[in-house]
N, C-alpha and C. Protein backbone atom coordinates (compact mmCIF):
# COMPACT_ATOMS: atom_id res chain seq x y z
N UNK A 1 -10.96 10.45 -60.40
CA UNK A 1 -9.96 10.18 -59.40
C UNK A 1 -8.76 9.44 -60.00
N UNK A 2 -7.65 9.51 -59.31
CA UNK A 2 -6.43 8.98 -59.90
C UNK A 2 -6.30 7.47 -59.73
N UNK A 3 -6.86 6.93 -58.66
CA UNK A 3 -6.74 5.51 -58.40
C UNK A 3 -8.08 4.84 -58.66
N UNK A 4 -8.05 3.59 -59.18
CA UNK A 4 -9.29 2.87 -59.45
C UNK A 4 -9.11 1.41 -59.06
N UNK A 5 -9.97 0.92 -58.18
CA UNK A 5 -9.93 -0.48 -57.79
C UNK A 5 -11.32 -0.88 -57.33
N UNK A 6 -11.47 -2.13 -56.86
CA UNK A 6 -12.78 -2.63 -56.46
C UNK A 6 -13.35 -1.84 -55.28
N UNK A 7 -12.48 -1.24 -54.48
CA UNK A 7 -12.93 -0.43 -53.35
C UNK A 7 -12.97 1.04 -53.68
N UNK A 8 -13.06 1.36 -54.96
CA UNK A 8 -12.98 2.75 -55.39
C UNK A 8 -14.04 3.64 -54.82
N UNK A 9 -15.27 3.13 -54.66
CA UNK A 9 -16.35 3.96 -54.14
C UNK A 9 -16.07 4.37 -52.70
N UNK A 10 -15.59 3.44 -51.88
CA UNK A 10 -15.27 3.76 -50.50
C UNK A 10 -14.10 4.73 -50.44
N UNK A 11 -13.09 4.50 -51.25
CA UNK A 11 -11.93 5.39 -51.26
C UNK A 11 -12.34 6.79 -51.66
N UNK A 12 -13.22 6.88 -52.67
CA UNK A 12 -13.69 8.19 -53.12
C UNK A 12 -14.47 8.90 -52.03
N UNK A 13 -15.32 8.14 -51.32
CA UNK A 13 -16.09 8.73 -50.23
C UNK A 13 -15.17 9.22 -49.12
N UNK A 14 -14.12 8.46 -48.83
CA UNK A 14 -13.16 8.88 -47.80
C UNK A 14 -12.39 10.11 -48.24
N UNK A 15 -12.00 10.14 -49.50
CA UNK A 15 -11.30 11.30 -50.06
C UNK A 15 -12.15 12.56 -49.87
N UNK A 16 -13.42 12.46 -50.25
CA UNK A 16 -14.31 13.63 -50.16
C UNK A 16 -14.56 14.03 -48.72
N UNK A 17 -14.64 13.03 -47.81
CA UNK A 17 -14.84 13.34 -46.40
C UNK A 17 -13.62 14.06 -45.83
N UNK A 18 -12.43 13.58 -46.17
CA UNK A 18 -11.20 14.22 -45.70
C UNK A 18 -11.09 15.64 -46.23
N UNK A 19 -11.46 15.82 -47.50
CA UNK A 19 -11.40 17.16 -48.09
C UNK A 19 -12.37 18.10 -47.39
N UNK A 20 -13.55 17.61 -47.07
CA UNK A 20 -14.54 18.43 -46.37
C UNK A 20 -14.06 18.79 -44.97
N UNK A 21 -13.40 17.83 -44.29
CA UNK A 21 -12.87 18.10 -42.95
C UNK A 21 -11.74 19.12 -42.99
N UNK A 22 -10.98 19.14 -44.09
CA UNK A 22 -9.94 20.16 -44.25
C UNK A 22 -10.58 21.53 -44.47
N UNK A 23 -11.63 21.56 -45.30
CA UNK A 23 -12.31 22.83 -45.57
C UNK A 23 -12.91 23.42 -44.31
N UNK A 24 -13.48 22.56 -43.47
CA UNK A 24 -14.15 23.03 -42.26
C UNK A 24 -13.17 23.37 -41.13
N UNK A 25 -11.90 22.94 -41.29
CA UNK A 25 -10.91 23.19 -40.26
C UNK A 25 -10.81 22.08 -39.23
N UNK A 26 -11.60 21.03 -39.41
CA UNK A 26 -11.52 19.91 -38.47
C UNK A 26 -10.16 19.24 -38.55
N UNK A 27 -9.62 19.15 -39.76
CA UNK A 27 -8.25 18.68 -39.97
C UNK A 27 -7.39 19.90 -40.25
N UNK A 28 -6.56 20.27 -39.30
CA UNK A 28 -5.82 21.53 -39.39
C UNK A 28 -4.48 21.35 -40.08
N UNK A 29 -4.08 22.33 -40.91
CA UNK A 29 -2.76 22.29 -41.55
C UNK A 29 -1.65 22.22 -40.51
N UNK A 30 -0.65 21.37 -40.77
CA UNK A 30 0.48 21.22 -39.89
C UNK A 30 0.30 20.18 -38.81
N UNK A 31 -0.91 19.65 -38.69
CA UNK A 31 -1.20 18.69 -37.63
C UNK A 31 -0.82 17.27 -38.05
N UNK A 32 -0.12 16.54 -37.16
CA UNK A 32 0.23 15.14 -37.39
C UNK A 32 -0.90 14.26 -36.86
N UNK A 33 -1.39 13.38 -37.72
CA UNK A 33 -2.54 12.56 -37.37
C UNK A 33 -2.19 11.08 -37.54
N UNK A 34 -2.55 10.28 -36.57
CA UNK A 34 -2.36 8.83 -36.65
C UNK A 34 -3.36 8.26 -37.66
N UNK A 35 -2.85 7.47 -38.62
CA UNK A 35 -3.74 6.87 -39.61
C UNK A 35 -4.71 5.90 -38.94
N UNK A 36 -4.23 5.15 -37.93
CA UNK A 36 -5.12 4.23 -37.22
C UNK A 36 -6.23 4.99 -36.50
N UNK A 37 -5.86 6.07 -35.82
CA UNK A 37 -6.86 6.87 -35.12
C UNK A 37 -7.86 7.47 -36.10
N UNK A 38 -7.35 7.94 -37.24
CA UNK A 38 -8.22 8.53 -38.26
C UNK A 38 -9.17 7.47 -38.81
N UNK A 39 -8.66 6.25 -39.05
CA UNK A 39 -9.50 5.17 -39.54
C UNK A 39 -10.60 4.84 -38.53
N UNK A 40 -10.24 4.81 -37.25
CA UNK A 40 -11.22 4.52 -36.20
C UNK A 40 -12.30 5.60 -36.15
N UNK A 41 -11.89 6.86 -36.27
CA UNK A 41 -12.85 7.97 -36.22
C UNK A 41 -13.81 7.92 -37.41
N UNK A 42 -13.28 7.49 -38.56
CA UNK A 42 -14.11 7.44 -39.77
C UNK A 42 -14.87 6.12 -39.90
N UNK A 43 -14.56 5.17 -39.01
CA UNK A 43 -15.24 3.89 -39.04
C UNK A 43 -14.92 3.06 -40.27
N UNK A 44 -13.64 3.05 -40.66
CA UNK A 44 -13.22 2.33 -41.85
C UNK A 44 -11.93 1.58 -41.56
N UNK A 45 -11.53 0.71 -42.50
CA UNK A 45 -10.24 0.03 -42.38
C UNK A 45 -9.15 0.94 -42.91
N UNK A 46 -7.91 0.59 -42.61
CA UNK A 46 -6.80 1.45 -43.00
C UNK A 46 -6.50 1.38 -44.50
N UNK A 47 -6.85 0.26 -45.17
CA UNK A 47 -6.48 0.11 -46.58
C UNK A 47 -7.13 1.16 -47.48
N UNK A 48 -8.48 1.29 -47.49
CA UNK A 48 -9.06 2.34 -48.35
C UNK A 48 -8.69 3.75 -47.90
N UNK A 49 -8.46 3.92 -46.59
CA UNK A 49 -8.05 5.23 -46.09
C UNK A 49 -6.66 5.57 -46.62
N UNK A 50 -5.76 4.60 -46.61
CA UNK A 50 -4.41 4.85 -47.16
C UNK A 50 -4.48 5.20 -48.64
N UNK A 51 -5.38 4.54 -49.37
CA UNK A 51 -5.52 4.83 -50.81
C UNK A 51 -6.00 6.26 -51.02
N UNK A 52 -6.95 6.69 -50.19
CA UNK A 52 -7.44 8.07 -50.29
C UNK A 52 -6.32 9.05 -49.94
N UNK A 53 -5.55 8.72 -48.91
CA UNK A 53 -4.45 9.59 -48.49
C UNK A 53 -3.33 9.62 -49.51
N UNK A 54 -3.10 8.50 -50.21
CA UNK A 54 -2.08 8.47 -51.26
C UNK A 54 -2.46 9.44 -52.38
N UNK A 55 -3.74 9.47 -52.74
CA UNK A 55 -4.17 10.41 -53.77
C UNK A 55 -3.98 11.84 -53.27
N UNK A 56 -4.33 12.08 -52.01
CA UNK A 56 -4.19 13.43 -51.46
C UNK A 56 -2.72 13.84 -51.37
N UNK A 57 -1.84 12.87 -51.17
CA UNK A 57 -0.41 13.18 -51.15
C UNK A 57 0.07 13.56 -52.55
N UNK A 58 -0.39 12.82 -53.57
CA UNK A 58 -0.04 13.15 -54.95
C UNK A 58 -0.50 14.56 -55.30
N UNK A 59 -1.67 14.95 -54.77
CA UNK A 59 -2.25 16.26 -55.08
C UNK A 59 -1.74 17.37 -54.17
N UNK A 60 -0.88 17.00 -53.20
CA UNK A 60 -0.25 18.02 -52.37
C UNK A 60 -0.96 18.38 -51.09
N UNK A 61 -2.07 17.73 -50.78
CA UNK A 61 -2.83 18.06 -49.58
C UNK A 61 -2.17 17.56 -48.30
N UNK A 62 -1.53 16.39 -48.37
CA UNK A 62 -0.97 15.78 -47.17
C UNK A 62 0.42 15.21 -47.47
N UNK A 63 1.14 14.90 -46.40
CA UNK A 63 2.40 14.17 -46.50
C UNK A 63 2.30 12.96 -45.57
N UNK A 64 2.48 11.77 -46.13
CA UNK A 64 2.43 10.55 -45.33
C UNK A 64 3.82 10.26 -44.78
N UNK A 65 3.91 10.13 -43.47
CA UNK A 65 5.17 9.84 -42.80
C UNK A 65 5.15 8.40 -42.32
N UNK A 66 5.93 7.50 -42.94
CA UNK A 66 5.92 6.08 -42.57
C UNK A 66 6.13 5.88 -41.07
N UNK A 67 5.32 5.04 -40.49
CA UNK A 67 5.38 4.68 -39.07
C UNK A 67 5.00 5.83 -38.14
N UNK A 68 4.63 6.96 -38.67
CA UNK A 68 4.30 8.10 -37.81
C UNK A 68 2.87 8.59 -38.02
N UNK A 69 2.42 8.65 -39.24
CA UNK A 69 1.08 9.14 -39.51
C UNK A 69 1.06 10.01 -40.76
N UNK A 70 0.16 10.97 -40.77
CA UNK A 70 0.01 11.85 -41.92
C UNK A 70 -0.08 13.30 -41.44
N UNK A 71 0.56 14.20 -42.19
CA UNK A 71 0.55 15.62 -41.86
C UNK A 71 -0.28 16.36 -42.91
N UNK A 72 -1.19 17.21 -42.45
CA UNK A 72 -1.94 18.07 -43.36
C UNK A 72 -1.02 19.22 -43.78
N UNK A 73 -0.76 19.34 -45.06
CA UNK A 73 0.18 20.35 -45.55
C UNK A 73 -0.42 21.76 -45.46
N UNK A 74 0.37 22.67 -44.98
CA UNK A 74 -0.03 24.08 -44.95
C UNK A 74 0.49 24.77 -46.21
N UNK A 75 -0.14 25.88 -46.58
CA UNK A 75 0.31 26.67 -47.72
C UNK A 75 0.87 28.00 -47.22
N UNK A 76 2.09 28.31 -47.59
CA UNK A 76 2.66 29.61 -47.27
C UNK A 76 2.21 30.62 -48.32
N UNK A 77 2.45 31.89 -48.06
CA UNK A 77 2.13 32.92 -49.06
C UNK A 77 2.88 32.64 -50.36
N UNK A 78 4.12 32.18 -50.25
CA UNK A 78 4.90 31.89 -51.45
C UNK A 78 4.34 30.70 -52.20
N UNK A 79 3.87 29.68 -51.47
CA UNK A 79 3.21 28.54 -52.11
C UNK A 79 2.00 29.00 -52.92
N UNK A 80 1.20 29.86 -52.30
CA UNK A 80 -0.01 30.36 -52.96
C UNK A 80 0.33 31.16 -54.21
N UNK A 81 1.36 31.97 -54.10
CA UNK A 81 1.79 32.77 -55.25
C UNK A 81 2.20 31.86 -56.41
N UNK A 82 2.94 30.80 -56.08
CA UNK A 82 3.38 29.86 -57.12
C UNK A 82 2.20 29.12 -57.74
N UNK A 83 1.22 28.75 -56.91
CA UNK A 83 0.07 28.02 -57.43
C UNK A 83 -0.77 28.93 -58.33
N UNK A 84 -0.91 30.20 -57.95
CA UNK A 84 -1.61 31.15 -58.83
C UNK A 84 -0.94 31.18 -60.20
N UNK A 85 0.38 31.22 -60.22
CA UNK A 85 1.12 31.27 -61.48
C UNK A 85 0.90 30.00 -62.30
N UNK A 86 0.92 28.85 -61.63
CA UNK A 86 0.69 27.58 -62.32
C UNK A 86 -0.72 27.52 -62.88
N UNK A 87 -1.70 27.93 -62.08
CA UNK A 87 -3.09 27.90 -62.55
C UNK A 87 -3.30 28.82 -63.75
N UNK A 88 -2.65 29.99 -63.71
CA UNK A 88 -2.76 30.90 -64.83
C UNK A 88 -2.22 30.30 -66.11
N UNK A 89 -1.08 29.60 -66.00
CA UNK A 89 -0.49 28.96 -67.17
C UNK A 89 -1.34 27.82 -67.69
N UNK A 90 -1.89 27.02 -66.78
CA UNK A 90 -2.72 25.88 -67.19
C UNK A 90 -4.01 26.36 -67.85
N UNK A 91 -4.64 27.37 -67.25
CA UNK A 91 -5.89 27.85 -67.84
C UNK A 91 -5.65 28.57 -69.16
N UNK A 92 -4.51 29.24 -69.27
CA UNK A 92 -4.13 29.84 -70.56
C UNK A 92 -4.15 28.79 -71.66
N UNK A 93 -3.47 27.67 -71.41
CA UNK A 93 -3.37 26.63 -72.41
C UNK A 93 -4.72 25.99 -72.68
N UNK A 94 -5.51 25.82 -71.62
CA UNK A 94 -6.83 25.21 -71.80
C UNK A 94 -7.73 26.09 -72.66
N UNK A 95 -7.68 27.40 -72.44
CA UNK A 95 -8.54 28.33 -73.18
C UNK A 95 -8.20 28.34 -74.67
N UNK A 96 -6.92 28.25 -75.01
CA UNK A 96 -6.50 28.27 -76.41
C UNK A 96 -7.22 27.20 -77.22
N UNK A 97 -7.35 26.01 -76.63
CA UNK A 97 -8.00 24.91 -77.36
C UNK A 97 -9.50 24.84 -77.13
N UNK A 98 -9.99 25.51 -76.09
CA UNK A 98 -11.40 25.38 -75.73
C UNK A 98 -12.29 26.41 -76.40
N UNK A 99 -11.83 27.65 -76.53
CA UNK A 99 -12.71 28.73 -76.99
C UNK A 99 -13.39 28.42 -78.33
N UNK A 100 -12.68 27.85 -79.32
CA UNK A 100 -13.37 27.57 -80.58
C UNK A 100 -14.53 26.58 -80.46
N UNK A 101 -14.61 25.86 -79.34
CA UNK A 101 -15.64 24.85 -79.15
C UNK A 101 -16.84 25.37 -78.36
N UNK A 102 -16.75 26.60 -77.87
CA UNK A 102 -17.81 27.13 -77.01
C UNK A 102 -19.01 27.61 -77.82
N UNK A 103 -20.19 27.43 -77.24
CA UNK A 103 -21.44 27.82 -77.88
C UNK A 103 -22.17 28.84 -77.00
N UNK A 104 -23.29 29.31 -77.50
CA UNK A 104 -24.09 30.26 -76.73
C UNK A 104 -24.56 29.64 -75.41
N UNK A 105 -24.78 28.34 -75.40
CA UNK A 105 -25.21 27.67 -74.17
C UNK A 105 -24.13 27.78 -73.09
N UNK A 106 -22.86 27.65 -73.47
CA UNK A 106 -21.77 27.80 -72.50
C UNK A 106 -21.75 29.23 -71.94
N UNK A 107 -21.95 30.20 -72.83
CA UNK A 107 -21.92 31.60 -72.41
C UNK A 107 -23.07 31.90 -71.44
N UNK A 108 -24.25 31.39 -71.73
CA UNK A 108 -25.40 31.62 -70.85
C UNK A 108 -25.16 31.01 -69.47
N UNK A 109 -24.52 29.86 -69.44
CA UNK A 109 -24.20 29.23 -68.16
C UNK A 109 -23.19 30.06 -67.38
N UNK A 110 -22.19 30.60 -68.08
CA UNK A 110 -21.21 31.47 -67.44
C UNK A 110 -21.90 32.70 -66.86
N UNK A 111 -22.81 33.30 -67.62
CA UNK A 111 -23.52 34.49 -67.16
C UNK A 111 -24.38 34.17 -65.93
N UNK A 112 -24.98 32.99 -65.91
CA UNK A 112 -25.82 32.61 -64.78
C UNK A 112 -25.00 32.53 -63.50
N UNK A 113 -23.86 31.83 -63.54
CA UNK A 113 -23.05 31.69 -62.34
C UNK A 113 -22.44 33.02 -61.91
N UNK A 114 -22.06 33.84 -62.89
CA UNK A 114 -21.47 35.13 -62.54
C UNK A 114 -22.50 36.02 -61.84
N UNK A 115 -23.74 35.97 -62.30
CA UNK A 115 -24.79 36.75 -61.66
C UNK A 115 -25.03 36.31 -60.23
N UNK A 116 -24.92 35.01 -59.98
CA UNK A 116 -25.14 34.49 -58.64
C UNK A 116 -24.05 34.95 -57.67
N UNK A 117 -22.86 35.18 -58.18
CA UNK A 117 -21.78 35.66 -57.32
C UNK A 117 -22.13 37.02 -56.72
N UNK A 118 -22.77 37.88 -57.51
CA UNK A 118 -23.11 39.21 -57.03
C UNK A 118 -24.35 39.24 -56.14
N UNK A 119 -25.30 38.35 -56.38
CA UNK A 119 -26.54 38.40 -55.61
C UNK A 119 -26.50 37.48 -54.40
N UNK A 120 -25.44 36.65 -54.29
CA UNK A 120 -25.34 35.73 -53.16
C UNK A 120 -25.21 36.51 -51.86
N UNK A 121 -25.67 35.91 -50.79
CA UNK A 121 -25.71 36.56 -49.48
C UNK A 121 -24.31 36.86 -48.97
N UNK A 122 -24.15 38.00 -48.34
CA UNK A 122 -22.87 38.35 -47.74
C UNK A 122 -22.51 37.40 -46.61
N UNK A 123 -23.50 36.70 -46.09
CA UNK A 123 -23.25 35.80 -44.97
C UNK A 123 -22.86 34.39 -45.40
N UNK A 124 -22.78 34.15 -46.69
CA UNK A 124 -22.43 32.81 -47.16
C UNK A 124 -21.02 32.43 -46.72
N UNK A 125 -20.81 31.13 -46.52
CA UNK A 125 -19.48 30.63 -46.22
C UNK A 125 -18.58 30.85 -47.43
N UNK A 126 -17.29 31.08 -47.18
CA UNK A 126 -16.40 31.37 -48.30
C UNK A 126 -16.33 30.22 -49.28
N UNK A 127 -16.49 28.94 -48.79
CA UNK A 127 -16.42 27.83 -49.73
C UNK A 127 -17.63 27.81 -50.66
N UNK A 128 -18.78 28.35 -50.23
CA UNK A 128 -19.93 28.44 -51.12
C UNK A 128 -19.66 29.43 -52.26
N UNK A 129 -19.05 30.56 -51.92
CA UNK A 129 -18.69 31.54 -52.94
C UNK A 129 -17.63 30.97 -53.88
N UNK A 130 -16.68 30.24 -53.31
CA UNK A 130 -15.67 29.61 -54.15
C UNK A 130 -16.30 28.61 -55.11
N UNK A 131 -17.35 27.91 -54.65
CA UNK A 131 -18.03 26.94 -55.50
C UNK A 131 -18.67 27.64 -56.71
N UNK A 132 -19.29 28.80 -56.48
CA UNK A 132 -19.86 29.56 -57.60
C UNK A 132 -18.77 30.00 -58.58
N UNK A 133 -17.64 30.42 -58.04
CA UNK A 133 -16.53 30.83 -58.88
C UNK A 133 -16.02 29.66 -59.71
N UNK A 134 -15.89 28.50 -59.07
CA UNK A 134 -15.45 27.30 -59.76
C UNK A 134 -16.44 26.90 -60.84
N UNK A 135 -17.74 26.99 -60.53
CA UNK A 135 -18.76 26.64 -61.51
C UNK A 135 -18.69 27.54 -62.74
N UNK A 136 -18.37 28.82 -62.52
CA UNK A 136 -18.24 29.75 -63.65
C UNK A 136 -17.16 29.26 -64.61
N UNK A 137 -16.00 28.91 -64.07
CA UNK A 137 -14.89 28.48 -64.92
C UNK A 137 -15.16 27.11 -65.54
N UNK A 138 -15.79 26.23 -64.78
CA UNK A 138 -16.07 24.90 -65.32
C UNK A 138 -17.12 24.94 -66.42
N UNK A 139 -17.91 26.02 -66.46
CA UNK A 139 -18.92 26.15 -67.51
C UNK A 139 -18.29 26.12 -68.90
N UNK A 140 -17.06 26.63 -69.01
CA UNK A 140 -16.38 26.54 -70.32
C UNK A 140 -15.26 25.51 -70.34
N UNK A 141 -14.63 25.26 -69.17
CA UNK A 141 -13.54 24.29 -69.15
C UNK A 141 -14.02 22.88 -69.42
N UNK A 142 -15.32 22.60 -69.17
CA UNK A 142 -15.84 21.25 -69.45
C UNK A 142 -15.79 20.93 -70.94
N UNK A 143 -15.64 21.96 -71.77
CA UNK A 143 -15.53 21.73 -73.21
C UNK A 143 -14.10 21.52 -73.66
N UNK A 144 -13.14 21.63 -72.74
CA UNK A 144 -11.72 21.50 -73.11
C UNK A 144 -11.44 20.09 -73.64
N UNK A 145 -10.79 19.98 -74.79
CA UNK A 145 -10.50 18.65 -75.35
C UNK A 145 -9.36 17.93 -74.66
N UNK A 146 -8.65 18.60 -73.74
CA UNK A 146 -7.54 17.98 -73.03
C UNK A 146 -7.92 17.79 -71.56
N UNK A 147 -8.41 16.61 -71.18
CA UNK A 147 -8.86 16.40 -69.79
C UNK A 147 -7.73 16.48 -68.77
N UNK A 148 -6.49 16.22 -69.20
CA UNK A 148 -5.37 16.28 -68.26
C UNK A 148 -5.11 17.71 -67.81
N UNK A 149 -5.26 18.66 -68.72
CA UNK A 149 -5.11 20.07 -68.36
C UNK A 149 -6.14 20.45 -67.30
N UNK A 150 -7.39 20.06 -67.53
CA UNK A 150 -8.47 20.42 -66.61
C UNK A 150 -8.27 19.72 -65.27
N UNK A 151 -7.83 18.47 -65.29
CA UNK A 151 -7.59 17.74 -64.03
C UNK A 151 -6.54 18.47 -63.20
N UNK A 152 -5.42 18.83 -63.81
CA UNK A 152 -4.36 19.50 -63.07
C UNK A 152 -4.82 20.87 -62.57
N UNK A 153 -5.53 21.60 -63.41
CA UNK A 153 -6.02 22.92 -63.01
C UNK A 153 -6.96 22.80 -61.82
N UNK A 154 -7.90 21.86 -61.88
CA UNK A 154 -8.84 21.70 -60.78
C UNK A 154 -8.15 21.22 -59.51
N UNK A 155 -7.10 20.42 -59.67
CA UNK A 155 -6.36 19.94 -58.51
C UNK A 155 -5.70 21.10 -57.77
N UNK A 156 -5.05 21.98 -58.52
CA UNK A 156 -4.39 23.12 -57.88
C UNK A 156 -5.40 24.14 -57.37
N UNK A 157 -6.50 24.33 -58.09
CA UNK A 157 -7.56 25.22 -57.60
C UNK A 157 -8.11 24.71 -56.27
N UNK A 158 -8.27 23.39 -56.18
CA UNK A 158 -8.80 22.80 -54.95
C UNK A 158 -7.88 23.09 -53.78
N UNK A 159 -6.58 22.99 -53.99
CA UNK A 159 -5.63 23.29 -52.90
C UNK A 159 -5.80 24.72 -52.43
N UNK A 160 -5.95 25.64 -53.35
CA UNK A 160 -6.14 27.04 -52.96
C UNK A 160 -7.45 27.23 -52.20
N UNK A 161 -8.52 26.61 -52.68
CA UNK A 161 -9.82 26.84 -52.10
C UNK A 161 -10.00 26.12 -50.77
N UNK A 162 -9.19 25.09 -50.51
CA UNK A 162 -9.26 24.41 -49.22
C UNK A 162 -8.50 25.20 -48.17
N UNK A 163 -7.33 25.71 -48.52
CA UNK A 163 -6.46 26.32 -47.52
C UNK A 163 -6.39 27.85 -47.61
N UNK A 164 -7.13 28.44 -48.54
CA UNK A 164 -7.10 29.89 -48.69
C UNK A 164 -8.50 30.45 -48.53
N UNK A 165 -8.73 31.16 -47.46
CA UNK A 165 -10.04 31.75 -47.20
C UNK A 165 -10.07 33.16 -47.77
N UNK A 166 -10.54 33.27 -49.00
CA UNK A 166 -10.59 34.58 -49.64
C UNK A 166 -11.59 35.49 -48.93
N UNK A 167 -11.29 36.78 -49.01
CA UNK A 167 -12.22 37.78 -48.49
C UNK A 167 -13.25 38.05 -49.58
N UNK A 168 -14.45 37.43 -49.44
CA UNK A 168 -15.48 37.61 -50.45
C UNK A 168 -16.38 38.80 -50.11
N UNK A 169 -15.76 39.88 -49.67
CA UNK A 169 -16.52 41.09 -49.41
C UNK A 169 -16.92 41.77 -50.71
N UNK A 170 -17.58 42.90 -50.58
CA UNK A 170 -18.14 43.60 -51.74
C UNK A 170 -17.05 43.96 -52.76
N UNK A 171 -15.89 44.40 -52.28
CA UNK A 171 -14.82 44.81 -53.18
C UNK A 171 -14.35 43.66 -54.06
N UNK A 172 -14.14 42.49 -53.43
CA UNK A 172 -13.65 41.35 -54.21
C UNK A 172 -14.73 40.81 -55.13
N UNK A 173 -15.97 40.74 -54.63
CA UNK A 173 -17.07 40.26 -55.47
C UNK A 173 -17.19 41.09 -56.74
N UNK A 174 -17.15 42.41 -56.57
CA UNK A 174 -17.31 43.30 -57.72
C UNK A 174 -16.16 43.13 -58.70
N UNK A 175 -14.92 43.04 -58.19
CA UNK A 175 -13.77 42.85 -59.07
C UNK A 175 -13.87 41.52 -59.82
N UNK A 176 -14.25 40.46 -59.11
CA UNK A 176 -14.36 39.15 -59.73
C UNK A 176 -15.48 39.13 -60.77
N UNK A 177 -16.60 39.76 -60.42
CA UNK A 177 -17.74 39.86 -61.34
C UNK A 177 -17.34 40.59 -62.63
N UNK A 178 -16.64 41.71 -62.49
CA UNK A 178 -16.23 42.48 -63.67
C UNK A 178 -15.23 41.72 -64.53
N UNK A 179 -14.31 41.00 -63.88
CA UNK A 179 -13.34 40.21 -64.66
C UNK A 179 -14.04 39.07 -65.39
N UNK A 180 -15.01 38.46 -64.73
CA UNK A 180 -15.78 37.40 -65.40
C UNK A 180 -16.55 37.96 -66.60
N UNK A 181 -17.09 39.17 -66.45
CA UNK A 181 -17.79 39.79 -67.58
C UNK A 181 -16.85 40.01 -68.75
N UNK A 182 -15.62 40.41 -68.44
CA UNK A 182 -14.64 40.61 -69.52
C UNK A 182 -14.31 39.29 -70.20
N UNK A 183 -14.21 38.22 -69.40
CA UNK A 183 -13.96 36.89 -69.98
C UNK A 183 -15.11 36.51 -70.91
N UNK A 184 -16.35 36.77 -70.48
CA UNK A 184 -17.52 36.48 -71.32
C UNK A 184 -17.46 37.28 -72.61
N UNK A 185 -17.09 38.55 -72.51
CA UNK A 185 -16.98 39.39 -73.71
C UNK A 185 -15.93 38.84 -74.68
N UNK A 186 -14.84 38.33 -74.14
CA UNK A 186 -13.79 37.79 -74.98
C UNK A 186 -14.21 36.47 -75.62
N UNK A 187 -15.04 35.70 -74.92
CA UNK A 187 -15.60 34.49 -75.54
C UNK A 187 -16.47 34.88 -76.72
N UNK A 188 -17.32 35.87 -76.52
CA UNK A 188 -18.20 36.33 -77.61
C UNK A 188 -17.39 36.88 -78.79
N UNK A 189 -16.26 37.52 -78.48
CA UNK A 189 -15.42 38.08 -79.55
C UNK A 189 -14.65 36.98 -80.29
N UNK A 190 -14.53 35.81 -79.68
CA UNK A 190 -13.85 34.70 -80.34
C UNK A 190 -12.35 34.83 -80.40
N UNK A 191 -11.77 35.64 -79.51
CA UNK A 191 -10.31 35.86 -79.50
C UNK A 191 -9.68 34.99 -78.42
N UNK A 192 -9.27 33.79 -78.79
CA UNK A 192 -8.73 32.84 -77.81
C UNK A 192 -7.46 33.34 -77.16
N UNK A 193 -6.55 33.91 -77.96
CA UNK A 193 -5.27 34.35 -77.42
C UNK A 193 -5.47 35.49 -76.42
N UNK A 194 -6.32 36.46 -76.77
CA UNK A 194 -6.55 37.59 -75.89
C UNK A 194 -7.23 37.13 -74.60
N UNK A 195 -8.20 36.21 -74.72
CA UNK A 195 -8.88 35.70 -73.54
C UNK A 195 -7.90 34.94 -72.64
N UNK A 196 -7.06 34.10 -73.26
CA UNK A 196 -6.09 33.32 -72.49
C UNK A 196 -5.11 34.23 -71.77
N UNK A 197 -4.64 35.27 -72.44
CA UNK A 197 -3.71 36.21 -71.81
C UNK A 197 -4.38 36.98 -70.67
N UNK A 198 -5.65 37.33 -70.86
CA UNK A 198 -6.37 38.06 -69.82
C UNK A 198 -6.52 37.19 -68.57
N UNK A 199 -6.88 35.93 -68.77
CA UNK A 199 -7.05 35.03 -67.63
C UNK A 199 -5.71 34.82 -66.92
N UNK A 200 -4.65 34.61 -67.68
CA UNK A 200 -3.34 34.37 -67.07
C UNK A 200 -2.80 35.61 -66.38
N UNK A 201 -2.86 36.75 -67.03
CA UNK A 201 -2.16 37.95 -66.54
C UNK A 201 -3.01 38.83 -65.62
N UNK A 202 -4.33 38.74 -65.74
CA UNK A 202 -5.21 39.59 -64.93
C UNK A 202 -6.00 38.75 -63.93
N UNK A 203 -6.75 37.79 -64.43
CA UNK A 203 -7.65 37.05 -63.55
C UNK A 203 -6.90 36.17 -62.56
N UNK A 204 -5.74 35.64 -62.96
CA UNK A 204 -4.95 34.79 -62.06
C UNK A 204 -3.78 35.54 -61.44
N UNK A 205 -3.79 36.86 -61.49
CA UNK A 205 -2.73 37.60 -60.82
C UNK A 205 -2.87 37.39 -59.31
N UNK A 206 -1.77 37.42 -58.63
CA UNK A 206 -1.79 37.18 -57.18
C UNK A 206 -1.93 38.51 -56.46
N UNK A 207 -3.08 38.73 -55.84
CA UNK A 207 -3.33 39.92 -55.03
C UNK A 207 -3.48 39.45 -53.59
N UNK A 208 -2.49 39.70 -52.77
CA UNK A 208 -2.42 39.11 -51.45
C UNK A 208 -3.64 39.45 -50.58
N UNK A 209 -4.14 40.67 -50.66
CA UNK A 209 -5.24 41.06 -49.80
C UNK A 209 -6.53 40.32 -50.16
N UNK A 210 -6.62 39.80 -51.41
CA UNK A 210 -7.81 39.04 -51.80
C UNK A 210 -7.56 37.54 -51.73
N UNK A 211 -6.28 37.14 -51.77
CA UNK A 211 -5.96 35.71 -51.81
C UNK A 211 -6.09 35.06 -50.44
N UNK A 212 -5.94 35.84 -49.39
CA UNK A 212 -6.00 35.26 -48.05
C UNK A 212 -6.84 36.16 -47.14
N UNK A 213 -7.32 35.55 -46.08
CA UNK A 213 -8.06 36.30 -45.06
C UNK A 213 -7.53 35.84 -43.71
N UNK A 214 -6.38 36.35 -43.30
CA UNK A 214 -5.73 35.89 -42.08
C UNK A 214 -6.18 36.72 -40.86
């Protein structure tokens, strides 16, 4: 987390609770919320809540309006397109420095998560499928020697996964599974540049019908 103080555990718990409420739709994009009312609902004081909201504002989830409250930020199609481009660039750079550090254990973990994407139930919540997808990428990104790259990438991925309900139907699952297999093949081939370009130009391409489920 970005902020650290004696109340860090409470702030972290509040951050995670707010994020979960955004994922579930309890906190709706565009809605103005009173910080006092939110603190009362969560059973906490305003100080740690403000700290959690400050982090969420830095990460783009909310906008704090002095004397008015906090607004949950919505993502437009153009916002999503821009974030896809940013994520592609960040992961490109991360892969360049990470691939030489990957071992067979990393590859086996990637294969495990990718297999679960295909066998997971069609009735799963979209955030569960997103979690499997995130786990696949983190299986190799955890080896990245630049933690700031990974922090920024995960921050922007989180924004997409909170406010973008992908259509995890059979068509998207199969496409994602096949692209992940190609990424695994490129890891085995040891070609960092080719893998980075594939992730940036193919895997992070913006396909509107798969990026949103309106």
